[in-house]
Amino acid sequence: MTGKIRITSTPPGNAPDYVREAWVGVEIPLAPDQEVGDDKFWSGRENVGGYLVQTSDAIDALRSAGKSDIAAYWEAIRMMTGHQLMFGTDFCEVVTE
């Protein structure tokens, strides 16, 4: 069963506070290779044990939530973040469809 996550509190990371705070309330589909409850380990990252999402899906979700300026920020640094982002389980909840 696949699903999506809803960001419930400001996730940690290197982005400026206002960028990280903008994630709150945004719903993002889980990466295709991750199932609900699949707790992948991402070594060396602040969101270890969290949920993987495709960077492109996360950017689309920001735009859908009316946060185009924040989406543009992530597009500008996409080469540094890679194809996937991870959100720690303490900062999101699973939303099943």
Protein backbone atom coordinates (compact mmCIF):
# COMPACT_ATOMS: atom_id res chain seq x y z
CA MET A 1 0.00 0.00 0.00
CA THR A 2 1.45 3.34 -0.97
CA GLY A 3 0.47 6.67 0.48
CA LYS A 4 1.78 10.07 1.21
CA ILE A 5 3.08 12.06 4.13
CA ARG A 6 1.92 15.34 5.61
CA ILE A 7 4.62 17.48 7.17
CA THR A 8 3.48 18.36 10.71
CA SER A 9 6.41 20.35 12.08
CA THR A 10 9.50 22.10 10.78
CA PRO A 11 12.00 19.48 9.65
CA PRO A 12 15.71 19.85 10.36
CA GLY A 13 18.13 20.58 7.58
CA ASN A 14 20.52 23.05 6.04
CA ALA A 15 17.89 25.19 4.30
CA PRO A 16 17.00 28.56 5.88
CA ASP A 17 14.34 28.49 8.61
CA TYR A 18 11.65 30.12 6.43
CA VAL A 19 12.20 27.45 3.74
CA ARG A 20 11.99 24.55 6.20
CA GLU A 21 8.95 26.09 7.95
CA ALA A 22 7.11 26.25 4.60
CA TRP A 23 6.93 22.43 4.49
CA VAL A 24 4.44 22.35 7.39
CA GLY A 25 1.03 21.23 6.14
CA VAL A 26 2.28 20.07 2.72
CA GLU A 27 1.30 16.54 1.60
CA ILE A 28 3.80 14.65 -0.57
CA PRO A 29 3.49 11.19 -2.16
CA LEU A 30 5.95 8.61 -0.88
CA ALA A 31 8.70 7.58 -3.28
CA PRO A 32 7.58 4.67 -5.49
CA ASP A 33 10.09 2.30 -3.91
CA GLN A 34 8.85 2.97 -0.37
CA GLU A 35 5.77 1.50 1.23
CA VAL A 36 3.86 2.97 4.15
CA GLY A 37 5.61 1.82 7.30
CA ASP A 38 8.87 1.12 5.45
CA ASP A 39 11.38 2.84 7.73
CA LYS A 40 14.47 3.27 5.53
CA PHE A 41 17.77 4.27 7.06
CA TRP A 42 19.61 7.18 5.46
CA SER A 43 23.07 7.18 6.98
CA GLY A 44 24.60 10.50 7.94
CA ARG A 45 21.45 12.60 7.47
CA GLU A 46 19.45 14.57 10.03
CA ASN A 47 16.21 12.83 9.05
CA VAL A 48 17.52 9.29 9.59
CA GLY A 49 14.79 6.69 9.63
CA GLY A 50 12.32 8.88 7.80
CA TYR A 51 10.25 8.69 4.65
CA LEU A 52 11.62 9.11 1.14
CA VAL A 53 9.86 11.31 -1.40
CA GLN A 54 10.83 12.23 -4.95
CA THR A 55 12.24 15.76 -5.07
CA SER A 56 10.06 16.53 -8.10
CA ASP A 57 6.91 15.39 -6.22
CA ALA A 58 7.89 17.55 -3.23
CA ILE A 59 8.36 20.60 -5.47
CA ASP A 60 4.99 19.93 -7.13
CA ALA A 61 3.36 19.61 -3.69
CA LEU A 62 4.78 22.98 -2.63
CA ARG A 63 3.36 24.58 -5.77
CA SER A 64 -0.05 22.95 -5.17
CA ALA A 65 0.01 24.35 -1.64
CA GLY A 66 0.53 27.87 -3.03
CA LYS A 67 4.20 28.03 -2.05
CA SER A 68 5.71 28.71 -5.48
CA ASP A 69 8.56 30.80 -4.07
CA ILE A 70 9.69 27.91 -1.87
CA ALA A 71 9.27 25.47 -4.78
CA ALA A 72 11.58 27.72 -6.82
CA TYR A 73 14.17 27.58 -4.01
CA TRP A 74 14.20 23.76 -4.12
CA GLU A 75 14.36 23.74 -7.93
CA ALA A 76 17.39 26.02 -7.79
CA ILE A 77 19.28 23.62 -5.50
CA ARG A 78 17.92 20.35 -6.91
CA MET A 79 21.36 19.34 -8.21
CA MET A 80 22.67 19.40 -4.64
CA THR A 81 19.72 17.58 -3.06
CA GLY A 82 19.43 14.75 -5.56
CA HIS A 83 16.34 12.94 -6.73
CA GLN A 84 14.95 12.16 -3.29
CA LEU A 85 14.36 13.98 -0.01
CA MET A 86 13.79 12.40 3.37
CA PHE A 87 11.54 13.66 6.14
CA GLY A 88 12.05 12.24 9.63
CA THR A 89 9.15 10.44 11.27
CA ASP A 90 9.09 13.03 14.07
CA PHE A 91 8.20 15.76 11.55
CA CYS A 92 5.47 14.11 9.48
CA GLU A 93 2.58 11.69 9.53
CA VAL A 94 1.49 9.09 7.01
CA VAL A 95 -1.70 9.87 5.12
CA THR A 96 -3.23 6.84 3.38
CA GLU A 97 -5.65 7.12 0.53
